[in-house]
């Protein structure tokens, strides 16, 4: 998978150093993946939540952080939509959130 907006993840782990290694691991795994449907993501990440609009929520660092992405299965691309603490996640709509530029 091609990950769009890795710079947002990098910026996040600069502010939250304890998220760096878990996010780097997720990036490495996602880049090697060839997901064609949500069930393939669930097979690898049992705690991932599959939402509408091709959205997936990943728990990062034992659920300390939440990562929301949109997956374009046909194009093999993952678009970062949100990364934040669990508390910040509770304040967003994961099905519609867009990363601020």
C-alpha atoms as a PDB file:
ATOM      1  CA  UNK A   1       0.000   0.000   0.000  1.00  0.00           C
ATOM      2  CA  UNK A   2       1.092   3.543  -0.672  1.00  0.00           C
ATOM      3  CA  UNK A   3       0.596   5.751   2.393  1.00  0.00           C
ATOM      4  CA  UNK A   4      -0.429   9.323   1.691  1.00  0.00           C
ATOM      5  CA  UNK A   5       0.472  11.954   4.324  1.00  0.00           C
ATOM      6  CA  UNK A   6       3.082  10.078   6.368  1.00  0.00           C
ATOM      7  CA  UNK A   7       4.368  13.546   7.301  1.00  0.00           C
ATOM      8  CA  UNK A   8       1.343  13.936   9.602  1.00  0.00           C
ATOM      9  CA  UNK A   9       2.365  10.795  11.435  1.00  0.00           C
ATOM     10  CA  UNK A  10       5.950  12.046  11.675  1.00  0.00           C
ATOM     11  CA  UNK A  11       4.761  15.384  13.042  1.00  0.00           C
ATOM     12  CA  UNK A  12       2.592  13.562  15.571  1.00  0.00           C
ATOM     13  CA  UNK A  13       5.374  11.341  16.893  1.00  0.00           C
ATOM     14  CA  UNK A  14       7.644  14.358  17.258  1.00  0.00           C
ATOM     15  CA  UNK A  15       5.086  15.698  19.765  1.00  0.00           C
ATOM     16  CA  UNK A  16       4.379  12.242  21.243  1.00  0.00           C
ATOM     17  CA  UNK A  17       7.719  10.360  21.203  1.00  0.00           C
ATOM     18  CA  UNK A  18       6.171   7.247  22.734  1.00  0.00           C
ATOM     19  CA  UNK A  19       4.084   6.866  19.556  1.00  0.00           C
ATOM     20  CA  UNK A  20       7.103   6.877  17.222  1.00  0.00           C
ATOM     21  CA  UNK A  21       8.003   3.187  17.211  1.00  0.00           C
ATOM     22  CA  UNK A  22       4.392   1.907  17.109  1.00  0.00           C
ATOM     23  CA  UNK A  23       3.589   4.267  14.218  1.00  0.00           C
ATOM     24  CA  UNK A  24       6.770   3.362  12.344  1.00  0.00           C
ATOM     25  CA  UNK A  25       5.863  -0.316  12.757  1.00  0.00           C
ATOM     26  CA  UNK A  26       2.362   0.334  11.415  1.00  0.00           C
ATOM     27  CA  UNK A  27       3.797   2.264   8.442  1.00  0.00           C
ATOM     28  CA  UNK A  28       6.233  -0.563   7.628  1.00  0.00           C
ATOM     29  CA  UNK A  29       3.492  -3.191   7.830  1.00  0.00           C
ATOM     30  CA  UNK A  30       1.016  -1.131   5.807  1.00  0.00           C
ATOM     31  CA  UNK A  31       3.563  -0.434   3.071  1.00  0.00           C
ATOM     32  CA  UNK A  32       4.144  -4.178   2.665  1.00  0.00           C
ATOM     33  CA  UNK A  33       0.419  -4.989   2.656  1.00  0.00           C
ATOM     34  CA  UNK A  34      -1.766  -5.490  -0.413  1.00  0.00           C
ATOM     35  CA  UNK A  35      -5.207  -5.142   1.115  1.00  0.00           C
ATOM     36  CA  UNK A  36      -8.079  -5.712  -1.299  1.00  0.00           C
ATOM     37  CA  UNK A  37     -10.920  -5.749   1.230  1.00  0.00           C
ATOM     38  CA  UNK A  38     -11.611  -4.859   4.871  1.00  0.00           C
ATOM     39  CA  UNK A  39     -11.520  -8.471   6.057  1.00  0.00           C
ATOM     40  CA  UNK A  40      -7.816  -8.648   5.186  1.00  0.00           C
ATOM     41  CA  UNK A  41      -7.147  -5.713   7.503  1.00  0.00           C
ATOM     42  CA  UNK A  42      -9.186  -7.339  10.296  1.00  0.00           C
ATOM     43  CA  UNK A  43      -7.237 -10.571   9.874  1.00  0.00           C
ATOM     44  CA  UNK A  44      -3.969  -8.737  10.630  1.00  0.00           C
ATOM     45  CA  UNK A  45      -5.339  -6.127  13.054  1.00  0.00           C
ATOM     46  CA  UNK A  46      -8.122  -7.697  15.121  1.00  0.00           C
ATOM     47  CA  UNK A  47      -8.693  -4.509  17.102  1.00  0.00           C
ATOM     48  CA  UNK A  48      -9.108  -2.355  13.962  1.00  0.00           C
ATOM     49  CA  UNK A  49     -12.568  -0.911  13.439  1.00  0.00           C
ATOM     50  CA  UNK A  50     -14.000  -0.967   9.935  1.00  0.00           C
ATOM     51  CA  UNK A  51     -16.260   2.035   9.305  1.00  0.00           C
ATOM     52  CA  UNK A  52     -18.301   3.408   6.398  1.00  0.00           C
ATOM     53  CA  UNK A  53     -16.626   5.367   3.597  1.00  0.00           C
ATOM     54  CA  UNK A  54     -13.693   2.900   3.410  1.00  0.00           C
ATOM     55  CA  UNK A  55     -12.489   4.186   6.791  1.00  0.00           C
ATOM     56  CA  UNK A  56     -10.482   2.110   9.218  1.00  0.00           C
ATOM     57  CA  UNK A  57      -9.527   2.985  12.794  1.00  0.00           C
ATOM     58  CA  UNK A  58      -6.307   1.476  14.147  1.00  0.00           C
ATOM     59  CA  UNK A  59      -5.378   1.370  17.819  1.00  0.00           C
ATOM     60  CA  UNK A  60      -1.792   2.514  18.245  1.00  0.00           C
ATOM     61  CA  UNK A  61       0.399   1.774  21.260  1.00  0.00           C
ATOM     62  CA  UNK A  62      -2.115  -0.314  23.150  1.00  0.00           C
ATOM     63  CA  UNK A  63      -4.987   2.034  22.337  1.00  0.00           C
ATOM     64  CA  UNK A  64      -3.234   5.144  23.682  1.00  0.00           C
ATOM     65  CA  UNK A  65      -3.600   6.652  20.223  1.00  0.00           C
ATOM     66  CA  UNK A  66      -6.032   6.286  17.346  1.00  0.00           C
ATOM     67  CA  UNK A  67      -5.223   6.399  13.654  1.00  0.00           C
ATOM     68  CA  UNK A  68      -8.034   6.915  11.134  1.00  0.00           C
ATOM     69  CA  UNK A  69      -7.313   6.172   7.499  1.00  0.00           C
ATOM     70  CA  UNK A  70      -9.265   5.881   4.282  1.00  0.00           C
ATOM     71  CA  UNK A  71      -8.313   2.903   2.147  1.00  0.00           C
ATOM     72  CA  UNK A  72      -8.513   2.981  -1.649  1.00  0.00           C
ATOM     73  CA  UNK A  73      -8.279  -0.759  -2.222  1.00  0.00           C
ATOM     74  CA  UNK A  74      -8.294  -0.525  -6.030  1.00  0.00           C
ATOM     75  CA  UNK A  75      -5.411   1.984  -6.051  1.00  0.00           C
ATOM     76  CA  UNK A  76      -3.586   0.323  -3.146  1.00  0.00           C
ATOM     77  CA  UNK A  77      -3.433   3.609  -1.248  1.00  0.00           C
ATOM     78  CA  UNK A  78      -4.025   4.570   2.373  1.00  0.00           C
ATOM     79  CA  UNK A  79      -4.881   8.181   3.193  1.00  0.00           C
ATOM     80  CA  UNK A  80      -4.191   9.396   6.736  1.00  0.00           C
ATOM     81  CA  UNK A  81      -7.268  11.245   7.981  1.00  0.00           C
ATOM     82  CA  UNK A  82      -6.565  11.601  11.717  1.00  0.00           C
ATOM     83  CA  UNK A  83      -3.990  10.710  14.336  1.00  0.00           C
ATOM     84  CA  UNK A  84      -4.531  11.633  17.951  1.00  0.00           C
ATOM     85  CA  UNK A  85      -4.992  10.573  21.523  1.00  0.00           C
ATOM     86  CA  UNK A  86      -7.942   8.432  22.514  1.00  0.00           C
ATOM     87  CA  UNK A  87      -9.527  11.530  24.110  1.00  0.00           C
ATOM     88  CA  UNK A  88      -9.059  13.581  20.915  1.00  0.00           C
ATOM     89  CA  UNK A  89     -10.543  10.724  18.909  1.00  0.00           C
ATOM     90  CA  UNK A  90     -13.655  10.795  21.085  1.00  0.00           C
ATOM     91  CA  UNK A  91     -14.250  14.373  19.885  1.00  0.00           C
ATOM     92  CA  UNK A  92     -14.275  13.644  16.132  1.00  0.00           C
ATOM     93  CA  UNK A  93     -16.464  11.882  13.609  1.00  0.00           C
ATOM     94  CA  UNK A  94     -14.141   9.204  12.237  1.00  0.00           C
ATOM     95  CA  UNK A  95     -16.370   8.662   9.185  1.00  0.00           C
ATOM     96  CA  UNK A  96     -16.002  12.252   7.949  1.00  0.00           C
ATOM     97  CA  UNK A  97     -12.821  13.708   9.506  1.00  0.00           C
ATOM     98  CA  UNK A  98     -10.261  15.097   7.084  1.00  0.00           C
ATOM     99  CA  UNK A  99      -6.653  15.903   7.948  1.00  0.00           C
ATOM    100  CA  UNK A 100      -6.123  19.640   8.265  1.00  0.00           C
ATOM    101  CA  UNK A 101      -3.531  21.044   5.874  1.00  0.00           C
END
